[in-house]
Amino acid sequence: MLKYPSAHIEVVREVGTFKLGAASRQSAQAAWDSLETAAEKLRNGEWQGVVTGPVCKRTLHEIGFPFPGQTEFFAARAGIENFAMCLTGGNLTVALVTAHVPLRQVVISRSEVVRVGLLLASFLQRRGCSRIAVAGLNPHAGEGGDLGREEIEVISPAVSDLQATGTATFSGPFSADTIFCRAIAGEFDGVLCMYHDQGLIPLKVHAFDAGVNVTLGLPFVRTSPDHGTAFDIAGRNVARPDSMLSALRLADELCAMA
């Protein structure tokens, strides 16, 4: 049985009749209403943090939800622009320079790499570590410019900027097909990733049942499981609670540090 000696936990429940294992406009509205309730309680200081469950983004967007996901929703409700998506589980922590963006639209800049790198450094330092590897964007980290010049023109200068801040130890850019193995082995505490799947695929392969999504930069704690709604297994008694339990534990840990 879980115990949270430092926390008072309140559960937001929406009462209604919904079809098990299927999204609907009614269930989407209930999810949106719950998010607004949480945001209000966080803004007025009634809550220190929130642990959100997975939602069906497609159905939320059908009823007018104007945000790519819950990460962007809470940032908007908190009135901040300096935020980022981070996932942690097992021996791996990753933060994303770009998150909910179609792959063909991914564009990275020196300033964004620095901004998210500093958020990741702050998160890791709260947990007593600070060695950060920076992943390249292109195969083989650009192969010296032969497979792309973003590493030379954008990422390497950003790593120099980050290192100059003295907030953490930054190194790279490294080839993304090897750096996660090195991080899992303990050489690095976190990996700064350039786009969504570059970070989430290794995290979920390594710690799918224990991974936690954390929104960096918020004035309150927000965590969530690292998986989706899994409608296909609803009601079959095969879903595992591990990731949600890990999200609760991390939220409690971070709230206790505040």
C-alpha atoms as a PDB file:
ATOM      1  CA  MET A   1       0.000   0.000   0.000  1.00  0.00           C
ATOM      2  CA  LEU A   2       1.314   3.419  -0.959  1.00  0.00           C
ATOM      3  CA  LYS A   3       1.842   5.980   1.744  1.00  0.00           C
ATOM      4  CA  TYR A   4       2.381   9.697   1.139  1.00  0.00           C
ATOM      5  CA  PRO A   5       3.364  11.176   4.512  1.00  0.00           C
ATOM      6  CA  SER A   6       4.118  14.601   3.052  1.00  0.00           C
ATOM      7  CA  ALA A   7       1.059  14.943   0.859  1.00  0.00           C
ATOM      8  CA  HIS A   8      -2.673  15.396   1.001  1.00  0.00           C
ATOM      9  CA  ILE A   9      -4.122  13.792  -2.132  1.00  0.00           C
ATOM     10  CA  GLU A  10      -7.450  14.785  -3.651  1.00  0.00           C
ATOM     11  CA  VAL A  11      -8.979  12.982  -6.618  1.00  0.00           C
ATOM     12  CA  VAL A  12     -10.993  14.879  -9.209  1.00  0.00           C
ATOM     13  CA  ARG A  13     -13.898  12.703 -10.359  1.00  0.00           C
ATOM     14  CA  GLU A  14     -16.339  13.444 -13.145  1.00  0.00           C
ATOM     15  CA  VAL A  15     -19.648  11.619 -12.754  1.00  0.00           C
ATOM     16  CA  GLY A  16     -21.313  10.478 -15.949  1.00  0.00           C
ATOM     17  CA  THR A  17     -22.147   7.527 -18.150  1.00  0.00           C
ATOM     18  CA  PHE A  18     -19.421   6.718 -20.652  1.00  0.00           C
ATOM     19  CA  LYS A  19     -18.766   3.719 -22.874  1.00  0.00           C
ATOM     20  CA  LEU A  20     -15.852   1.627 -21.607  1.00  0.00           C
ATOM     21  CA  GLY A  21     -12.902   1.672 -23.972  1.00  0.00           C
ATOM     22  CA  ALA A  22     -14.178   4.398 -26.279  1.00  0.00           C
ATOM     23  CA  ALA A  23     -13.806   8.149 -26.498  1.00  0.00           C
ATOM     24  CA  SER A  24     -16.816  10.428 -26.859  1.00  0.00           C
ATOM     25  CA  ARG A  25     -17.535  14.126 -26.876  1.00  0.00           C
ATOM     26  CA  GLN A  26     -19.029  13.722 -23.397  1.00  0.00           C
ATOM     27  CA  SER A  27     -15.946  12.012 -21.986  1.00  0.00           C
ATOM     28  CA  ALA A  28     -13.712  14.603 -23.647  1.00  0.00           C
ATOM     29  CA  GLN A  29     -15.708  17.399 -22.038  1.00  0.00           C
ATOM     30  CA  ALA A  30     -15.437  15.676 -18.660  1.00  0.00           C
ATOM     31  CA  ALA A  31     -11.652  15.452 -19.098  1.00  0.00           C
ATOM     32  CA  TRP A  32     -11.435  19.122 -20.092  1.00  0.00           C
ATOM     33  CA  ASP A  33     -13.576  20.160 -17.126  1.00  0.00           C
ATOM     34  CA  SER A  34     -11.307  18.185 -14.799  1.00  0.00           C
ATOM     35  CA  LEU A  35      -8.253  19.917 -16.234  1.00  0.00           C
ATOM     36  CA  GLU A  36      -9.842  23.325 -15.669  1.00  0.00           C
ATOM     37  CA  THR A  37     -10.692  22.381 -12.077  1.00  0.00           C
ATOM     38  CA  ALA A  38      -7.109  21.331 -11.456  1.00  0.00           C
ATOM     39  CA  ALA A  39      -5.715  24.494 -13.050  1.00  0.00           C
ATOM     40  CA  GLU A  40      -7.920  26.695 -10.865  1.00  0.00           C
ATOM     41  CA  LYS A  41      -6.912  24.928  -7.655  1.00  0.00           C
ATOM     42  CA  LEU A  42      -3.238  25.151  -8.633  1.00  0.00           C
ATOM     43  CA  ARG A  43      -3.467  28.843  -9.479  1.00  0.00           C
ATOM     44  CA  ASN A  44      -5.108  29.752  -6.166  1.00  0.00           C
ATOM     45  CA  GLY A  45      -2.577  27.750  -4.174  1.00  0.00           C
ATOM     46  CA  GLU A  46      -5.035  25.150  -2.945  1.00  0.00           C
ATOM     47  CA  TRP A  47      -2.945  22.422  -4.558  1.00  0.00           C
ATOM     48  CA  GLN A  48       0.845  22.100  -4.880  1.00  0.00           C
ATOM     49  CA  GLY A  49       0.741  19.699  -7.778  1.00  0.00           C
ATOM     50  CA  VAL A  50      -1.361  17.598 -10.107  1.00  0.00           C
ATOM     51  CA  VAL A  51      -1.055  14.088 -11.527  1.00  0.00           C
ATOM     52  CA  THR A  52      -2.997  13.811 -14.766  1.00  0.00           C
ATOM     53  CA  GLY A  53      -4.219  10.663 -16.480  1.00  0.00           C
ATOM     54  CA  PRO A  54      -3.966  10.033 -20.229  1.00  0.00           C
ATOM     55  CA  VAL A  55      -6.532  11.695 -22.488  1.00  0.00           C
ATOM     56  CA  CYS A  56      -7.704  11.212 -26.059  1.00  0.00           C
ATOM     57  CA  LYS A  57      -6.283  14.308 -27.762  1.00  0.00           C
ATOM     58  CA  ARG A  58      -8.201  13.723 -30.984  1.00  0.00           C
ATOM     59  CA  THR A  59     -11.588  13.839 -29.228  1.00  0.00           C
ATOM     60  CA  LEU A  60     -10.558  16.814 -27.109  1.00  0.00           C
ATOM     61  CA  HIS A  61      -9.650  18.681 -30.287  1.00  0.00           C
ATOM     62  CA  GLU A  62     -13.011  17.767 -31.807  1.00  0.00           C
ATOM     63  CA  ILE A  63     -14.787  19.674 -29.003  1.00  0.00           C
ATOM     64  CA  GLY A  64     -12.528  22.710 -29.348  1.00  0.00           C
ATOM     65  CA  PHE A  65      -9.653  22.060 -26.917  1.00  0.00           C
ATOM     66  CA  PRO A  66      -7.123  24.555 -28.333  1.00  0.00           C
ATOM     67  CA  PHE A  67      -3.891  22.980 -27.058  1.00  0.00           C
ATOM     68  CA  PRO A  68      -1.717  20.213 -28.551  1.00  0.00           C
ATOM     69  CA  GLY A  69      -1.776  18.403 -25.205  1.00  0.00           C
ATOM     70  CA  GLN A  70      -1.991  18.722 -21.440  1.00  0.00           C
ATOM     71  CA  THR A  71       1.575  20.029 -21.215  1.00  0.00           C
ATOM     72  CA  GLU A  72       0.676  23.119 -23.220  1.00  0.00           C
ATOM     73  CA  PHE A  73      -2.652  23.495 -21.398  1.00  0.00           C
ATOM     74  CA  PHE A  74      -1.057  23.816 -17.968  1.00  0.00           C
ATOM     75  CA  ALA A  75       1.634  26.167 -19.262  1.00  0.00           C
ATOM     76  CA  ALA A  76      -1.048  28.439 -20.706  1.00  0.00           C
ATOM     77  CA  ARG A  77      -3.135  28.356 -17.534  1.00  0.00           C
ATOM     78  CA  ALA A  78      -0.018  29.180 -15.506  1.00  0.00           C
ATOM     79  CA  GLY A  79       0.754  32.062 -17.871  1.00  0.00           C
ATOM     80  CA  ILE A  80       4.247  30.890 -18.747  1.00  0.00           C
ATOM     81  CA  GLU A  81       6.103  30.334 -22.014  1.00  0.00           C
ATOM     82  CA  ASN A  82       9.314  28.861 -20.616  1.00  0.00           C
ATOM     83  CA  PHE A  83       8.325  25.212 -20.219  1.00  0.00           C
ATOM     84  CA  ALA A  84       9.312  21.841 -21.633  1.00  0.00           C
ATOM     85  CA  MET A  85       8.344  18.180 -21.686  1.00  0.00           C
ATOM     86  CA  CYS A  86      10.509  15.769 -19.729  1.00  0.00           C
ATOM     87  CA  LEU A  87      10.212  12.029 -19.104  1.00  0.00           C
ATOM     88  CA  THR A  88      12.017   9.984 -16.516  1.00  0.00           C
ATOM     89  CA  GLY A  89      12.077   6.316 -15.616  1.00  0.00           C
ATOM     90  CA  GLY A  90      14.600   3.694 -14.620  1.00  0.00           C
ATOM     91  CA  ASN A  91      18.084   5.002 -15.364  1.00  0.00           C
ATOM     92  CA  LEU A  92      16.997   7.461 -18.050  1.00  0.00           C
ATOM     93  CA  THR A  93      15.731  11.044 -18.054  1.00  0.00           C
ATOM     94  CA  VAL A  94      15.059  12.918 -21.291  1.00  0.00           C
ATOM     95  CA  ALA A  95      13.873  16.427 -22.106  1.00  0.00           C
ATOM     96  CA  LEU A  96      12.571  17.551 -25.499  1.00  0.00           C
ATOM     97  CA  VAL A  97      13.574  20.691 -27.383  1.00  0.00           C
ATOM     98  CA  THR A  98      10.512  20.212 -29.612  1.00  0.00           C
ATOM     99  CA  ALA A  99       7.545  18.131 -28.453  1.00  0.00           C
ATOM    100  CA  HIS A 100       4.102  17.885 -30.066  1.00  0.00           C
ATOM    101  CA  VAL A 101       5.206  18.953 -33.537  1.00  0.00           C
ATOM    102  CA  PRO A 102       4.891  16.907 -36.750  1.00  0.00           C
ATOM    103  CA  LEU A 103       8.308  15.559 -37.690  1.00  0.00           C
ATOM    104  CA  ARG A 104       8.416  17.400 -41.008  1.00  0.00           C
ATOM    105  CA  GLN A 105       7.902  20.680 -39.112  1.00  0.00           C
ATOM    106  CA  VAL A 106      10.688  20.158 -36.562  1.00  0.00           C
ATOM    107  CA  VAL A 107      13.038  23.133 -36.567  1.00  0.00           C
ATOM    108  CA  ILE A 108      15.579  23.666 -33.801  1.00  0.00           C
ATOM    109  CA  SER A 109      17.304  26.881 -32.815  1.00  0.00           C
ATOM    110  CA  ARG A 110      20.292  27.683 -30.647  1.00  0.00           C
ATOM    111  CA  SER A 111      18.148  29.619 -28.193  1.00  0.00           C
ATOM    112  CA  GLU A 112      15.627  26.783 -27.796  1.00  0.00           C
ATOM    113  CA  VAL A 113      18.335  24.201 -27.161  1.00  0.00           C
ATOM    114  CA  VAL A 114      19.752  26.484 -24.460  1.00  0.00           C
ATOM    115  CA  ARG A 115      16.340  27.228 -22.947  1.00  0.00           C
ATOM    116  CA  VAL A 116      15.275  23.598 -22.583  1.00  0.00           C
ATOM    117  CA  GLY A 117      18.776  22.561 -21.514  1.00  0.00           C
ATOM    118  CA  LEU A 118      18.580  24.960 -18.574  1.00  0.00           C
ATOM    119  CA  LEU A 119      15.156  23.624 -17.563  1.00  0.00           C
ATOM    120  CA  LEU A 120      16.506  20.074 -17.629  1.00  0.00           C
ATOM    121  CA  ALA A 121      19.523  21.126 -15.565  1.00  0.00           C
ATOM    122  CA  SER A 122      17.257  22.684 -12.932  1.00  0.00           C
ATOM    123  CA  PHE A 123      15.131  19.528 -12.713  1.00  0.00           C
ATOM    124  CA  LEU A 124      18.135  17.230 -12.378  1.00  0.00           C
ATOM    125  CA  GLN A 125      19.779  19.430  -9.760  1.00  0.00           C
ATOM    126  CA  ARG A 126      16.632  19.170  -7.610  1.00  0.00           C
ATOM    127  CA  ARG A 127      17.259  15.429  -7.652  1.00  0.00           C
ATOM    128  CA  GLY A 128      20.992  15.704  -6.918  1.00  0.00           C
ATOM    129  CA  CYS A 129      22.542  15.184 -10.362  1.00  0.00           C
ATOM    130  CA  SER A 130      23.746  17.335 -13.248  1.00  0.00           C
ATOM    131  CA  ARG A 131      25.514  15.463 -16.094  1.00  0.00           C
ATOM    132  CA  ILE A 132      23.674  16.130 -19.337  1.00  0.00           C
ATOM    133  CA  ALA A 133      24.327  14.692 -22.790  1.00  0.00           C
ATOM    134  CA  VAL A 134      22.975  16.552 -25.815  1.00  0.00           C
ATOM    135  CA  ALA A 135      21.754  14.444 -28.726  1.00  0.00           C
ATOM    136  CA  GLY A 136      22.316  15.406 -32.327  1.00  0.00           C
ATOM    137  CA  LEU A 137      19.442  15.890 -34.748  1.00  0.00           C
ATOM    138  CA  ASN A 138      20.766  13.994 -37.754  1.00  0.00           C
ATOM    139  CA  PRO A 139      21.994  10.401 -38.203  1.00  0.00           C
ATOM    140  CA  HIS A 140      25.470   9.976 -36.687  1.00  0.00           C
ATOM    141  CA  ALA A 141      25.147  13.536 -35.305  1.00  0.00           C
ATOM    142  CA  GLY A 142      25.552  14.884 -38.833  1.00  0.00           C
ATOM    143  CA  GLU A 143      28.730  12.929 -39.651  1.00  0.00           C
ATOM    144  CA  GLY A 144      30.832  16.086 -39.589  1.00  0.00           C
ATOM    145  CA  GLY A 145      28.388  17.943 -41.820  1.00  0.00           C
ATOM    146  CA  ASP A 146      28.004  15.189 -44.405  1.00  0.00           C
ATOM    147  CA  LEU A 147      24.512  14.239 -43.125  1.00  0.00           C
ATOM    148  CA  GLY A 148      23.351  17.669 -42.012  1.00  0.00           C
ATOM    149  CA  ARG A 149      24.809  20.831 -40.532  1.00  0.00           C
ATOM    150  CA  GLU A 150      22.490  21.455 -37.554  1.00  0.00           C
ATOM    151  CA  GLU A 151      25.048  19.918 -35.188  1.00  0.00           C
ATOM    152  CA  ILE A 152      27.755  22.299 -36.412  1.00  0.00           C
ATOM    153  CA  GLU A 153      25.703  25.451 -36.836  1.00  0.00           C
ATOM    154  CA  VAL A 154      23.110  25.164 -34.049  1.00  0.00           C
ATOM    155  CA  ILE A 155      23.632  22.424 -31.478  1.00  0.00           C
ATOM    156  CA  SER A 156      27.375  22.686 -30.829  1.00  0.00           C
ATOM    157  CA  PRO A 157      27.214  26.478 -30.229  1.00  0.00           C
ATOM    158  CA  ALA A 158      24.239  25.899 -27.919  1.00  0.00           C
ATOM    159  CA  VAL A 159      26.188  23.296 -25.936  1.00  0.00           C
ATOM    160  CA  SER A 160      28.991  25.843 -25.519  1.00  0.00           C
ATOM    161  CA  ASP A 161      26.456  28.405 -24.293  1.00  0.00           C
ATOM    162  CA  LEU A 162      25.031  25.910 -21.815  1.00  0.00           C
ATOM    163  CA  GLN A 163      28.424  24.872 -20.530  1.00  0.00           C
ATOM    164  CA  ALA A 164      29.314  28.528 -19.991  1.00  0.00           C
ATOM    165  CA  THR A 165      26.357  29.000 -17.632  1.00  0.00           C
ATOM    166  CA  GLY A 166      27.949  26.667 -15.084  1.00  0.00           C
ATOM    167  CA  THR A 167      24.551  25.233 -14.156  1.00  0.00           C
ATOM    168  CA  ALA A 168      25.466  21.652 -15.097  1.00  0.00           C
ATOM    169  CA  THR A 169      27.941  19.627 -17.119  1.00  0.00           C
ATOM    170  CA  PHE A 170      26.819  19.609 -20.754  1.00  0.00           C
ATOM    171  CA  SER A 171      28.483  17.635 -23.521  1.00  0.00           C
ATOM    172  CA  GLY A 172      27.722  16.688 -27.115  1.00  0.00           C
ATOM    173  CA  PRO A 173      26.166  16.652 -29.595  1.00  0.00           C
ATOM    174  CA  PHE A 174      26.270  12.862 -29.634  1.00  0.00           C
ATOM    175  CA  SER A 175      24.831  10.412 -32.130  1.00  0.00           C
ATOM    176  CA  ALA A 176      21.338   9.514 -30.924  1.00  0.00           C
ATOM    177  CA  ASP A 177      21.789   5.832 -31.771  1.00  0.00           C
ATOM    178  CA  THR A 178      24.386   5.397 -29.009  1.00  0.00           C
ATOM    179  CA  ILE A 179      23.912   8.109 -26.390  1.00  0.00           C
ATOM    180  CA  PHE A 180      20.927   6.520 -24.646  1.00  0.00           C
ATOM    181  CA  CYS A 181      22.847   3.303 -23.976  1.00  0.00           C
ATOM    182  CA  ARG A 182      25.583   5.382 -22.339  1.00  0.00           C
ATOM    183  CA  ALA A 183      23.048   7.284 -20.229  1.00  0.00           C
ATOM    184  CA  ILE A 184      21.295   4.114 -19.079  1.00  0.00           C
ATOM    185  CA  ALA A 185      24.707   2.694 -18.132  1.00  0.00           C
ATOM    186  CA  GLY A 186      25.200   5.662 -15.780  1.00  0.00           C
ATOM    187  CA  GLU A 187      27.538   7.929 -17.731  1.00  0.00           C
ATOM    188  CA  PHE A 188      24.940  10.729 -17.896  1.00  0.00           C
ATOM    189  CA  ASP A 189      22.018  11.797 -15.705  1.00  0.00           C
ATOM    190  CA  GLY A 190      19.893  13.147 -18.532  1.00  0.00           C
ATOM    191  CA  VAL A 191      19.732  13.481 -22.295  1.00  0.00           C
ATOM    192  CA  LEU A 192      18.580  16.632 -24.075  1.00  0.00           C
ATOM    193  CA  CYS A 193      16.694  15.463 -27.185  1.00  0.00           C
ATOM    194  CA  MET A 194      15.798  17.385 -30.311  1.00  0.00           C
ATOM    195  CA  TYR A 195      12.334  15.980 -31.041  1.00  0.00           C
ATOM    196  CA  HIS A 196       9.533  13.916 -29.511  1.00  0.00           C
ATOM    197  CA  ASP A 197      10.224  10.341 -30.593  1.00  0.00           C
ATOM    198  CA  GLN A 198      13.988  10.702 -30.300  1.00  0.00           C
ATOM    199  CA  GLY A 199      13.503  10.864 -26.544  1.00  0.00           C
ATOM    200  CA  LEU A 200      10.316   8.893 -25.972  1.00  0.00           C
ATOM    201  CA  ILE A 201      11.216   5.742 -27.892  1.00  0.00           C
ATOM    202  CA  PRO A 202      14.313   4.901 -25.806  1.00  0.00           C
ATOM    203  CA  LEU A 203      12.585   5.965 -22.579  1.00  0.00           C
ATOM    204  CA  LYS A 204       9.621   3.685 -23.221  1.00  0.00           C
ATOM    205  CA  VAL A 205      11.778   0.783 -24.361  1.00  0.00           C
ATOM    206  CA  HIS A 206      13.852   1.136 -21.201  1.00  0.00           C
ATOM    207  CA  ALA A 207      11.124   1.889 -18.624  1.00  0.00           C
ATOM    208  CA  PHE A 208       7.672   1.679 -20.175  1.00  0.00           C
ATOM    209  CA  ASP A 209       5.974   0.500 -16.991  1.00  0.00           C
ATOM    210  CA  ALA A 210       7.728   3.044 -14.761  1.00  0.00           C
ATOM    211  CA  GLY A 211       8.098   6.124 -16.960  1.00  0.00           C
ATOM    212  CA  VAL A 212       6.731   9.479 -15.831  1.00  0.00           C
ATOM    213  CA  ASN A 213       6.039  12.624 -17.828  1.00  0.00           C
ATOM    214  CA  VAL A 214       7.001  15.853 -16.029  1.00  0.00           C
ATOM    215  CA  THR A 215       6.280  19.367 -17.247  1.00  0.00           C
ATOM    216  CA  LEU A 216       9.361  21.498 -16.574  1.00  0.00           C
ATOM    217  CA  GLY A 217       9.139  25.204 -15.799  1.00  0.00           C
ATOM    218  CA  LEU A 218       5.698  25.320 -14.182  1.00  0.00           C
ATOM    219  CA  PRO A 219       5.195  27.137 -10.848  1.00  0.00           C
ATOM    220  CA  PHE A 220       3.612  23.907  -9.569  1.00  0.00           C
ATOM    221  CA  VAL A 221       4.268  20.188  -9.979  1.00  0.00           C
ATOM    222  CA  ARG A 222       2.649  18.336 -12.860  1.00  0.00           C
ATOM    223  CA  THR A 223       3.340  14.672 -13.621  1.00  0.00           C
ATOM    224  CA  SER A 224       1.541  11.972 -15.567  1.00  0.00           C
ATOM    225  CA  PRO A 225       2.010   8.388 -16.744  1.00  0.00           C
ATOM    226  CA  ASP A 226       4.082   8.045 -19.909  1.00  0.00           C
ATOM    227  CA  HIS A 227       1.410   6.032 -21.762  1.00  0.00           C
ATOM    228  CA  GLY A 228      -1.833   6.776 -23.560  1.00  0.00           C
ATOM    229  CA  THR A 229      -5.451   5.815 -22.987  1.00  0.00           C
ATOM    230  CA  ALA A 230      -5.100   2.170 -24.125  1.00  0.00           C
ATOM    231  CA  PHE A 231      -8.780   1.880 -25.024  1.00  0.00           C
ATOM    232  CA  ASP A 232      -8.072  -1.502 -26.616  1.00  0.00           C
ATOM    233  CA  ILE A 233      -7.400  -3.149 -23.243  1.00  0.00           C
ATOM    234  CA  ALA A 234     -10.035  -1.329 -21.178  1.00  0.00           C
ATOM    235  CA  GLY A 235     -11.975  -3.715 -18.945  1.00  0.00           C
ATOM    236  CA  ARG A 236      -9.742  -6.700 -19.646  1.00  0.00           C
ATOM    237  CA  ASN A 237      -7.861  -6.596 -16.302  1.00  0.00           C
ATOM    238  CA  VAL A 238      -4.477  -6.522 -18.051  1.00  0.00           C
ATOM    239  CA  ALA A 239      -3.550  -2.837 -17.704  1.00  0.00           C
ATOM    240  CA  ARG A 240      -0.690  -2.163 -15.311  1.00  0.00           C
ATOM    241  CA  PRO A 241      -0.797   0.724 -12.806  1.00  0.00           C
ATOM    242  CA  ASP A 242       2.990   1.045 -12.467  1.00  0.00           C
ATOM    243  CA  SER A 243       3.427   4.245 -14.463  1.00  0.00           C
ATOM    244  CA  MET A 244       0.593   6.015 -12.638  1.00  0.00           C
ATOM    245  CA  LEU A 245       2.023   4.933  -9.297  1.00  0.00           C
ATOM    246  CA  SER A 246       5.440   6.231 -10.374  1.00  0.00           C
ATOM    247  CA  ALA A 247       3.837   9.545 -11.362  1.00  0.00           C
ATOM    248  CA  LEU A 248       2.234   9.814  -7.916  1.00  0.00           C
ATOM    249  CA  ARG A 249       5.520   9.052  -6.175  1.00  0.00           C
ATOM    250  CA  LEU A 250       7.474  11.594  -8.216  1.00  0.00           C
ATOM    251  CA  ALA A 251       4.838  14.287  -7.680  1.00  0.00           C
ATOM    252  CA  ASP A 252       5.020  13.664  -3.952  1.00  0.00           C
ATOM    253  CA  GLU A 253       8.830  13.827  -4.035  1.00  0.00           C
ATOM    254  CA  LEU A 254       8.842  17.103  -5.980  1.00  0.00           C
ATOM    255  CA  CYS A 255       6.127  18.696  -3.829  1.00  0.00           C
ATOM    256  CA  ALA A 256       8.113  17.826  -0.713  1.00  0.00           C
ATOM    257  CA  MET A 257      11.101  19.705  -2.182  1.00  0.00           C
ATOM    258  CA  ALA A 258       9.101  22.884  -2.810  1.00  0.00           C
END
